[in-house]
Amino acid sequence: MSFARKSVPPLLLVLGFAAGWWLRPFSPTAPPLPAPAGETSSAPTEPAPPKPPALLAPLGDEPDWALLDTCQETITREEFERLLTTVFTTGEAWKNFVSLDDRQAVIAVGAAESGLRFHLRFAPTGQEKKPPRHWRTTTELPPAPADRPLEGVKIAIDPGHIGGAWAKMEERWFVVGNGQPVCEGDLTLAVARLLKPQLEALGASVSLVRNDSEPLTPLRPESLLEQAIMEGGQGDTQKLAERLFYRTAEIRARAELVNQSIKPDLVLCLHFNAEPWGDPKAPNLVDRTHFHLLLNGGYTDEELAFADQRFEMLRKLLQRTHRQEATLGTSVAAAFYQLTGLPPYTYPPNTRNARTVDGNPFLWARNLLANRLYDCPVLFLEPYVMNSQSDYARIQAGDYEGLREVAGKMQPSIFREYANAISLGLAEHYRVHRAQSASH
């Protein structure tokens, strides 16, 4: 969820840029690549002066740039530049960290002035090697029966937020009068539990990233107080520690589970959107609802200054997650519109941290921690508006089978509608784009 989708960078990051937070030294983990033909290098006769430290995002790790060596000669210069400028960035600051010529991209691995560089060699057109990855595109999957189009597809469902006792801390909680409290983390988990058997019936192997209202990270706000103090800021240290806990440490713990254990072909990040509601005990209910779906991309100039975010962006670009996300997202967005009639959410024209995808009004590229850290294609879904008058009434109605009169008209359960739209969209995508096996 986001309030009007956070059209400006989160406060924590904004303060970070201003205060120079998250500075840590960078030490290369592998020797530099050999100089290209025609260039020479020589060892210094005196110790080199210390390099400026790399800037890292909250709780981020120093990137191991040698991991990108496996992506040498997997992309042409034209494709690299197209993805970089039309999908993954929103400004021109990438030029401070990446320089291009016909044979390679030269990438700053730390601070731009550090002098440390990674050389990525381009492939001649038609001679691109396949980048190594654990996930499979739709066309790489073996044929599947028509009635089980997701046969063998590994899917991780990530119910957004934590919910339960943590919902108030997460600021994903409100209550209207004597109604049932609305906790986004509980809503997304309810949808995930309905969605899992639907996808399994279509042939998929499905894992829930969480199946209760407890955090995956062992860290807690009290263990992050020192980190919050180190990062300065003039705000409430306790609040900063809490945000490091639920916004950052929790997502990083989920990414470790997804990347190291589940290793899926696709992650579905489930969320409910919201408009600003003010006092959570006397929230504003609005008269509008909408839907949009986020793909990884749209890195801002400020975000590219972080070495780890720059590395993670390039890893996404080189693994070609975007095309898989866009084709999957197109099908899922069409299914949502077919079942719900929800209009698309539109970012303000001056938004600097999002960009449209393929002219589709429902698809937007944004750099979010989850869709950046998960090592596979990610669909980050933001349907409904929890504090809209219509969607709030449906949330209060709870889950049920069939149709029921809610807010003056016959409607399905909002939770089942959400799950059904995803299942319909994925089934349509794999039926259209995947080869079919002979009928049993």
Protein backbone atom coordinates (compact mmCIF):
# COMPACT_ATOMS: atom_id res chain seq x y z
CA MET A 1 0.00 0.00 0.00
CA SER A 2 1.00 3.59 -0.44
CA PHE A 3 -0.76 6.83 0.19
CA ALA A 4 -1.23 8.20 -3.31
CA ARG A 5 1.62 5.79 -4.09
CA LYS A 6 4.34 7.82 -2.39
CA SER A 7 4.99 10.09 -5.35
CA VAL A 8 8.06 11.45 -3.56
CA PRO A 9 10.93 9.39 -2.09
CA PRO A 10 10.27 8.11 1.46
CA LEU A 11 11.26 10.49 4.25
CA LEU A 12 13.97 8.19 5.50
CA LEU A 13 15.74 8.17 2.15
CA VAL A 14 15.31 11.89 1.62
CA LEU A 15 16.93 12.57 4.98
CA GLY A 16 19.61 10.09 4.06
CA PHE A 17 20.59 11.99 0.96
CA ALA A 18 20.77 15.24 2.88
CA ALA A 19 22.70 13.92 5.81
CA GLY A 20 25.10 11.68 3.91
CA TRP A 21 23.84 8.55 5.63
CA TRP A 22 24.75 4.96 4.93
CA LEU A 23 28.33 5.69 3.95
CA ARG A 24 30.46 2.58 4.18
CA PRO A 25 33.81 1.65 2.68
CA PHE A 26 33.87 -0.44 -0.48
CA SER A 27 36.43 -3.17 -0.93
CA PRO A 28 36.54 -4.98 -4.27
CA THR A 29 36.00 -8.72 -3.84
CA ALA A 30 37.72 -9.68 -7.06
CA PRO A 31 40.59 -8.24 -9.10
CA PRO A 32 39.58 -5.81 -11.82
CA LEU A 33 38.92 -7.14 -15.30
CA PRO A 34 41.88 -7.07 -17.68
CA ALA A 35 42.28 -3.84 -19.58
CA PRO A 36 40.68 -4.01 -23.06
CA ALA A 37 43.00 -4.60 -25.99
CA GLY A 38 45.04 -1.54 -26.77
CA GLU A 39 44.97 -0.28 -23.17
CA THR A 40 47.64 -0.80 -20.56
CA SER A 41 47.81 -0.54 -16.82
CA SER A 42 50.68 -0.50 -14.39
CA ALA A 43 50.94 -1.15 -10.67
CA PRO A 44 51.43 1.98 -8.56
CA THR A 45 54.84 2.43 -7.00
CA GLU A 46 53.34 4.09 -3.90
CA PRO A 47 50.26 3.23 -1.85
CA ALA A 48 47.16 4.70 -3.44
CA PRO A 49 45.24 7.29 -1.42
CA PRO A 50 42.10 6.01 0.28
CA LYS A 51 39.04 5.87 -1.98
CA PRO A 52 35.82 7.66 -1.06
CA PRO A 53 33.45 5.20 0.59
CA ALA A 54 30.49 3.79 -1.29
CA LEU A 55 27.04 5.09 -0.46
CA LEU A 56 24.65 2.29 0.52
CA ALA A 57 20.90 2.17 1.05
CA PRO A 58 19.53 1.45 4.57
CA LEU A 59 20.89 -1.87 5.89
CA GLY A 60 22.36 -2.51 2.45
CA ASP A 61 25.38 -4.69 1.74
CA GLU A 62 28.38 -3.82 -0.34
CA PRO A 63 27.80 -5.26 -3.81
CA ASP A 64 30.02 -8.01 -5.17
CA TRP A 65 30.49 -6.60 -8.63
CA ALA A 66 32.36 -9.72 -9.73
CA LEU A 67 28.96 -11.45 -9.83
CA LEU A 68 28.17 -9.45 -12.95
CA ASP A 69 31.05 -11.15 -14.75
CA THR A 70 28.59 -13.94 -15.58
CA CYS A 71 26.69 -11.37 -17.67
CA GLN A 72 29.60 -10.52 -19.95
CA GLU A 73 28.57 -10.48 -23.64
CA THR A 74 24.90 -11.20 -22.86
CA ILE A 75 23.49 -7.93 -24.22
CA THR A 76 24.13 -5.55 -27.10
CA ARG A 77 24.97 -1.93 -26.57
CA GLU A 78 21.69 -0.90 -28.22
CA GLU A 79 19.54 -3.09 -25.93
CA PHE A 80 21.47 -2.05 -22.82
CA GLU A 81 21.05 1.64 -23.58
CA ARG A 82 17.37 1.24 -24.51
CA LEU A 83 16.49 -0.51 -21.24
CA LEU A 84 18.63 1.86 -19.19
CA THR A 85 17.06 5.02 -20.61
CA THR A 86 13.45 3.98 -21.28
CA VAL A 87 12.71 1.61 -18.38
CA PHE A 88 15.21 1.75 -15.52
CA THR A 89 16.00 5.45 -15.07
CA THR A 90 13.96 8.64 -14.90
CA GLY A 91 16.72 11.22 -15.25
CA GLU A 92 20.21 11.77 -16.57
CA ALA A 93 22.33 11.13 -13.46
CA TRP A 94 23.14 7.60 -14.66
CA LYS A 95 25.72 9.27 -16.89
CA ASN A 96 27.69 10.12 -13.75
CA PHE A 97 28.12 6.41 -13.05
CA VAL A 98 27.91 4.65 -16.43
CA SER A 99 29.79 5.49 -19.61
CA LEU A 100 29.11 3.70 -22.88
CA ASP A 101 31.00 2.99 -26.05
CA ASP A 102 30.38 0.41 -28.75
CA ARG A 103 32.21 -2.38 -26.94
CA GLN A 104 31.49 -1.89 -23.23
CA ALA A 105 29.81 -0.10 -20.38
CA VAL A 106 32.17 1.25 -17.75
CA ILE A 107 30.38 1.42 -14.42
CA ALA A 108 31.37 3.14 -11.18
CA VAL A 109 31.25 0.57 -8.40
CA GLY A 110 31.45 3.06 -5.54
CA ALA A 111 31.39 6.82 -5.34
CA ALA A 112 31.74 8.29 -8.82
CA GLU A 113 35.02 9.94 -7.83
CA SER A 114 36.49 6.74 -6.35
CA GLY A 115 38.00 5.63 -9.66
CA LEU A 116 36.84 2.02 -9.13
CA ARG A 117 35.13 0.72 -12.24
CA PHE A 118 33.50 -2.45 -13.56
CA HIS A 119 33.78 -3.18 -17.30
CA LEU A 120 30.77 -4.90 -18.88
CA ARG A 121 31.49 -6.14 -22.39
CA PHE A 122 28.69 -5.92 -24.95
CA ALA A 123 27.82 -8.70 -27.38
CA PRO A 124 27.65 -8.24 -31.15
CA THR A 125 24.09 -8.29 -32.44
CA GLY A 126 22.91 -11.88 -32.83
CA GLN A 127 25.71 -13.29 -30.66
CA GLU A 128 24.28 -12.60 -27.20
CA LYS A 129 24.96 -15.27 -24.59
CA LYS A 130 22.16 -16.30 -22.24
CA PRO A 131 22.51 -14.68 -18.81
CA PRO A 132 22.60 -17.24 -15.98
CA ARG A 133 19.51 -17.22 -13.76
CA HIS A 134 17.38 -19.63 -11.73
CA TRP A 135 14.03 -18.45 -13.10
CA ARG A 136 12.51 -19.29 -16.48
CA THR A 137 10.69 -17.13 -18.97
CA THR A 138 7.34 -18.36 -20.24
CA THR A 139 8.82 -19.48 -23.56
CA GLU A 140 11.56 -21.45 -21.78
CA LEU A 141 9.02 -23.66 -20.00
CA PRO A 142 8.15 -27.08 -21.43
CA PRO A 143 4.69 -27.56 -22.98
CA ALA A 144 1.75 -27.78 -20.57
CA PRO A 145 -1.78 -29.20 -20.77
CA ALA A 146 -4.44 -26.67 -21.78
CA ASP A 147 -6.28 -27.16 -18.49
CA ARG A 148 -3.07 -26.72 -16.43
CA PRO A 149 -1.28 -23.82 -18.14
CA LEU A 150 0.85 -23.11 -15.05
CA GLU A 151 2.20 -26.67 -14.90
CA GLY A 152 5.62 -26.58 -13.20
CA VAL A 153 5.73 -22.80 -12.76
CA LYS A 154 7.22 -21.88 -9.38
CA ILE A 155 5.42 -18.94 -7.79
CA ALA A 156 6.07 -17.17 -4.49
CA ILE A 157 3.20 -15.13 -3.04
CA ASP A 158 4.36 -12.30 -0.80
CA PRO A 159 1.45 -10.89 1.26
CA GLY A 160 2.46 -7.27 1.76
CA HIS A 161 3.25 -5.90 5.24
CA ILE A 162 3.00 -7.88 8.48
CA GLY A 163 -0.37 -7.08 10.02
CA GLY A 164 -1.63 -8.40 13.33
CA ALA A 165 -0.04 -6.79 16.36
CA TRP A 166 2.40 -4.91 14.10
CA ALA A 167 -0.21 -3.15 11.95
CA LYS A 168 -0.36 0.06 13.99
CA MET A 169 3.42 0.39 14.01
CA GLU A 170 3.42 -0.16 10.23
CA GLU A 171 0.85 2.63 9.85
CA ARG A 172 -1.30 0.16 7.90
CA TRP A 173 -4.23 0.24 10.31
CA PHE A 174 -7.36 2.30 10.76
CA VAL A 175 -10.79 1.88 12.32
CA VAL A 176 -14.11 3.60 11.65
CA GLY A 177 -16.33 3.86 14.70
CA ASN A 178 -17.34 0.41 15.92
CA GLY A 179 -16.29 -1.29 12.67
CA GLN A 180 -13.67 -3.96 12.32
CA PRO A 181 -10.13 -2.49 12.16
CA VAL A 182 -8.65 -2.48 8.67
CA CYS A 183 -5.11 -3.96 8.68
CA GLU A 184 -3.50 -4.21 5.27
CA GLY A 185 -1.20 -7.05 6.31
CA ASP A 186 -4.21 -9.14 7.34
CA LEU A 187 -6.07 -8.35 4.11
CA THR A 188 -3.18 -9.41 1.89
CA LEU A 189 -2.71 -12.65 3.82
CA ALA A 190 -6.41 -13.47 3.36
CA VAL A 191 -6.03 -13.00 -0.40
CA ALA A 192 -2.83 -15.08 -0.48
CA ARG A 193 -4.53 -18.01 1.23
CA LEU A 194 -7.34 -17.93 -1.35
CA LEU A 195 -4.97 -17.51 -4.28
CA LYS A 196 -2.57 -20.34 -3.45
CA PRO A 197 -4.98 -23.27 -4.11
CA GLN A 198 -6.29 -21.57 -7.25
CA LEU A 199 -2.80 -21.39 -8.75
CA GLU A 200 -2.01 -24.93 -7.63
CA ALA A 201 -5.13 -26.17 -9.42
CA LEU A 202 -3.70 -24.58 -12.57
CA GLY A 203 -0.49 -26.58 -12.11
CA ALA A 204 1.79 -24.14 -10.30
CA SER A 205 4.07 -24.92 -7.37
CA VAL A 206 3.22 -22.18 -4.87
CA SER A 207 4.98 -20.94 -1.72
CA LEU A 208 3.77 -18.29 0.70
CA VAL A 209 6.56 -15.97 1.79
CA ARG A 210 4.67 -15.56 5.07
CA ASN A 211 1.65 -17.45 6.38
CA ASP A 212 1.04 -15.59 9.63
CA SER A 213 1.25 -12.12 11.11
CA GLU A 214 4.78 -12.37 12.44
CA PRO A 215 7.91 -10.82 10.88
CA LEU A 216 10.52 -12.94 9.15
CA THR A 217 13.41 -10.74 10.25
CA PRO A 218 14.92 -11.53 13.66
CA LEU A 219 15.63 -7.80 14.08
CA ARG A 220 13.31 -5.60 16.10
CA PRO A 221 13.09 -1.82 16.48
CA GLU A 222 15.01 -1.89 19.77
CA SER A 223 17.89 -3.70 18.07
CA LEU A 224 17.96 -1.01 15.37
CA LEU A 225 18.07 2.01 17.65
CA GLU A 226 21.84 2.32 17.38
CA GLN A 227 21.57 2.13 13.60
CA ALA A 228 18.91 4.84 13.64
CA ILE A 229 21.09 7.05 15.84
CA MET A 230 24.13 6.49 13.60
CA GLU A 231 22.09 7.53 10.60
CA GLY A 232 21.51 10.85 12.30
CA GLY A 233 18.34 12.49 11.23
CA GLN A 234 16.53 15.04 13.30
CA GLY A 235 13.35 13.02 13.61
CA ASP A 236 12.11 10.62 16.24
CA THR A 237 14.81 7.97 16.70
CA GLN A 238 12.26 5.38 17.81
CA LYS A 239 10.19 6.00 14.67
CA LEU A 240 13.29 5.71 12.50
CA ALA A 241 14.16 2.39 14.15
CA GLU A 242 10.62 1.13 13.61
CA ARG A 243 10.75 2.05 9.93
CA LEU A 244 14.10 0.33 9.54
CA PHE A 245 12.42 -2.75 11.05
CA TYR A 246 9.23 -3.03 9.00
CA ARG A 247 10.19 -1.19 5.80
CA THR A 248 13.73 -2.45 5.37
CA ALA A 249 14.88 -5.34 7.57
CA GLU A 250 11.64 -7.27 6.99
CA ILE A 251 11.80 -6.93 3.19
CA ARG A 252 15.47 -7.91 3.17
CA ALA A 253 14.65 -11.03 5.22
CA ARG A 254 11.92 -11.96 2.76
CA ALA A 255 14.30 -11.45 -0.15
CA GLU A 256 16.80 -13.83 1.44
CA LEU A 257 14.09 -16.50 1.75
CA VAL A 258 12.88 -15.97 -1.81
CA ASN A 259 16.34 -15.89 -3.39
CA GLN A 260 18.08 -18.58 -1.35
CA SER A 261 15.31 -21.11 -0.66
CA ILE A 262 12.23 -20.70 -2.84
CA LYS A 263 13.94 -19.58 -6.08
CA PRO A 264 10.69 -18.99 -7.96
CA ASP A 265 9.95 -18.07 -11.56
CA LEU A 266 7.68 -15.27 -10.37
CA VAL A 267 6.88 -13.35 -7.18
CA LEU A 268 3.43 -11.86 -6.60
CA CYS A 269 3.58 -8.99 -4.09
CA LEU A 270 0.03 -8.43 -2.84
CA HIS A 271 -1.03 -5.03 -1.54
CA PHE A 272 -4.11 -2.87 -1.12
CA ASN A 273 -3.78 0.79 -2.00
CA ALA A 274 -5.07 3.73 0.04
CA GLU A 275 -5.48 7.49 -0.07
CA PRO A 276 -4.31 9.64 2.86
CA TRP A 277 -6.70 8.92 5.73
CA GLY A 278 -5.47 11.26 8.45
CA ASP A 279 -6.26 10.14 11.99
CA PRO A 280 -6.40 6.31 11.95
CA LYS A 281 -9.07 6.41 14.68
CA ALA A 282 -11.23 8.85 12.67
CA PRO A 283 -10.08 8.26 9.10
CA ASN A 284 -11.23 10.05 5.99
CA LEU A 285 -13.19 7.87 3.57
CA VAL A 286 -12.90 8.96 -0.06
CA ASP A 287 -15.17 8.44 -3.06
CA ARG A 288 -12.59 7.01 -5.47
CA THR A 289 -10.92 3.67 -6.06
CA HIS A 290 -8.37 2.49 -8.61
CA PHE A 291 -5.77 -0.11 -9.57
CA HIS A 292 -2.23 -0.22 -10.86
CA LEU A 293 0.55 -2.75 -11.11
CA LEU A 294 4.23 -1.98 -10.53
CA LEU A 295 7.25 -3.43 -12.34
CA ASN A 296 10.86 -2.79 -11.42
CA GLY A 297 12.34 0.31 -13.02
CA GLY A 298 12.08 4.08 -12.76
CA TYR A 299 15.21 4.57 -10.61
CA THR A 300 15.62 8.22 -9.66
CA ASP A 301 18.85 10.20 -9.89
CA GLU A 302 19.13 10.14 -6.09
CA GLU A 303 18.65 6.37 -5.92
CA LEU A 304 21.41 5.74 -8.46
CA ALA A 305 23.88 7.39 -6.10
CA PHE A 306 23.60 4.31 -3.87
CA ALA A 307 26.12 1.70 -5.05
CA ASP A 308 23.94 -1.25 -4.03
CA GLN A 309 20.86 0.12 -5.78
CA ARG A 310 22.91 0.75 -8.91
CA PHE A 311 24.21 -2.82 -8.78
CA GLU A 312 20.73 -4.26 -8.22
CA MET A 313 19.32 -2.20 -11.10
CA LEU A 314 21.98 -3.53 -13.45
CA ARG A 315 21.37 -7.10 -12.33
CA LYS A 316 17.66 -6.69 -13.14
CA LEU A 317 18.46 -5.11 -16.48
CA LEU A 318 20.94 -7.80 -17.50
CA GLN A 319 18.68 -10.69 -16.47
CA ARG A 320 15.88 -9.23 -18.66
CA THR A 321 13.24 -9.35 -15.95
CA HIS A 322 11.42 -6.40 -17.47
CA ARG A 323 10.02 -8.07 -20.58
CA GLN A 324 8.69 -11.01 -18.54
CA GLU A 325 7.16 -8.64 -16.00
CA ALA A 326 5.58 -6.52 -18.72
CA THR A 327 3.96 -9.42 -20.59
CA LEU A 328 2.70 -11.02 -17.38
CA GLY A 329 1.57 -7.66 -16.05
CA THR A 330 -0.38 -6.88 -19.21
CA SER A 331 -2.42 -10.07 -18.84
CA VAL A 332 -3.04 -9.63 -15.12
CA ALA A 333 -4.02 -5.98 -15.50
CA ALA A 334 -6.49 -6.89 -18.26
CA ALA A 335 -8.03 -9.56 -16.03
CA PHE A 336 -8.37 -7.10 -13.14
CA TYR A 337 -10.16 -4.63 -15.36
CA GLN A 338 -12.39 -7.36 -16.76
CA LEU A 339 -13.48 -8.58 -13.30
CA THR A 340 -13.46 -5.36 -11.29
CA GLY A 341 -13.86 -2.44 -13.67
CA LEU A 342 -11.35 -0.53 -11.53
CA PRO A 343 -9.95 2.52 -13.33
CA PRO A 344 -6.18 2.95 -13.57
CA TYR A 345 -4.32 5.01 -11.00
CA THR A 346 -2.40 7.83 -12.68
CA TYR A 347 0.72 9.38 -11.20
CA PRO A 348 0.96 13.18 -11.29
CA PRO A 349 2.69 14.53 -14.44
CA ASN A 350 5.71 15.79 -12.47
CA THR A 351 6.36 12.43 -10.75
CA ARG A 352 10.09 11.69 -10.72
CA ASN A 353 10.05 8.13 -9.36
CA ALA A 354 7.73 6.33 -11.78
CA ARG A 355 7.32 5.92 -15.51
CA THR A 356 4.66 4.35 -17.69
CA VAL A 357 5.23 0.97 -19.34
CA ASP A 358 4.36 0.31 -22.99
CA GLY A 359 1.61 2.93 -22.93
CA ASN A 360 -0.49 0.68 -20.67
CA PRO A 361 -2.33 2.93 -18.17
CA PHE A 362 -2.29 0.20 -15.50
CA LEU A 363 1.46 -0.58 -15.66
CA TRP A 364 4.11 1.59 -14.05
CA ALA A 365 7.83 1.08 -13.43
CA ARG A 366 9.06 1.96 -9.94
CA ASN A 367 12.05 1.08 -7.81
CA LEU A 368 10.70 -0.59 -4.66
CA LEU A 369 12.80 -2.60 -2.23
CA ALA A 370 10.87 -5.84 -2.86
CA ASN A 371 10.74 -5.70 -6.64
CA ARG A 372 14.42 -4.72 -6.66
CA LEU A 373 15.79 -7.39 -4.31
CA TYR A 374 13.85 -10.45 -5.50
CA ASP A 375 16.00 -12.25 -8.08
CA CYS A 376 13.23 -12.93 -10.58
CA PRO A 377 10.30 -11.16 -12.23
CA VAL A 378 7.99 -9.49 -9.71
CA LEU A 379 4.41 -8.24 -10.07
CA PHE A 380 3.66 -5.71 -7.33
CA LEU A 381 -0.12 -5.31 -7.21
CA GLU A 382 -1.95 -2.27 -5.84
CA PRO A 383 -5.71 -2.75 -6.38
CA TYR A 384 -8.55 -1.06 -4.52
CA VAL A 385 -8.43 1.82 -2.04
CA MET A 386 -8.89 0.58 1.51
CA ASN A 387 -10.40 3.86 2.71
CA SER A 388 -12.68 4.39 -0.26
CA GLN A 389 -16.33 4.25 0.70
CA SER A 390 -17.04 1.38 -1.69
CA ASP A 391 -14.00 -0.78 -0.89
CA TYR A 392 -14.25 -0.15 2.85
CA ALA A 393 -17.81 -1.54 2.81
CA ARG A 394 -16.61 -4.64 0.97
CA ILE A 395 -13.74 -5.15 3.42
CA GLN A 396 -16.17 -4.90 6.31
CA ALA A 397 -18.37 -7.54 4.64
CA GLY A 398 -15.52 -10.05 4.98
CA ASP A 399 -15.02 -13.14 2.84
CA TYR A 400 -17.94 -15.14 1.47
CA GLU A 401 -18.87 -17.33 -1.48
CA GLY A 402 -21.00 -16.15 -4.38
CA LEU A 403 -22.63 -12.72 -4.42
CA ARG A 404 -23.96 -10.62 -1.58
CA GLU A 405 -25.54 -7.20 -1.45
CA VAL A 406 -22.87 -4.77 -0.30
CA ALA A 407 -23.08 -0.99 -0.59
CA GLY A 408 -26.36 -1.31 -2.45
CA LYS A 409 -25.38 -3.83 -5.12
CA MET A 410 -24.67 -7.51 -5.52
CA GLN A 411 -20.92 -8.09 -5.32
CA PRO A 412 -18.46 -10.93 -4.75
CA SER A 413 -16.09 -10.99 -1.81
CA ILE A 414 -13.37 -8.41 -2.43
CA PHE A 415 -10.79 -11.01 -1.37
CA ARG A 416 -12.01 -13.63 -3.84
CA GLU A 417 -12.31 -11.06 -6.61
CA TYR A 418 -8.66 -10.10 -6.03
CA ALA A 419 -7.51 -13.74 -6.12
CA ASN A 420 -9.71 -14.59 -9.10
CA ALA A 421 -8.32 -11.70 -11.15
CA ILE A 422 -4.73 -12.85 -10.63
CA SER A 423 -5.57 -16.46 -11.46
CA LEU A 424 -7.46 -15.45 -14.59
CA GLY A 425 -4.66 -13.18 -15.79
CA LEU A 426 -1.89 -15.72 -15.21
CA ALA A 427 -3.87 -18.54 -16.81
CA GLU A 428 -4.50 -16.41 -19.88
CA HIS A 429 -0.86 -15.40 -20.14
CA TYR A 430 0.51 -18.94 -19.99
CA ARG A 431 -2.16 -20.34 -22.34
CA VAL A 432 -1.29 -17.74 -24.97
CA HIS A 433 2.50 -17.60 -24.63
CA ARG A 434 3.40 -21.17 -23.64
CA ALA A 435 3.41 -24.21 -25.88
CA GLN A 436 0.69 -26.73 -25.13
CA SER A 437 1.28 -30.44 -24.68
CA ALA A 438 -0.89 -33.09 -26.29
CA SER A 439 -4.24 -33.60 -24.58
CA HIS A 440 -4.39 -36.40 -22.04
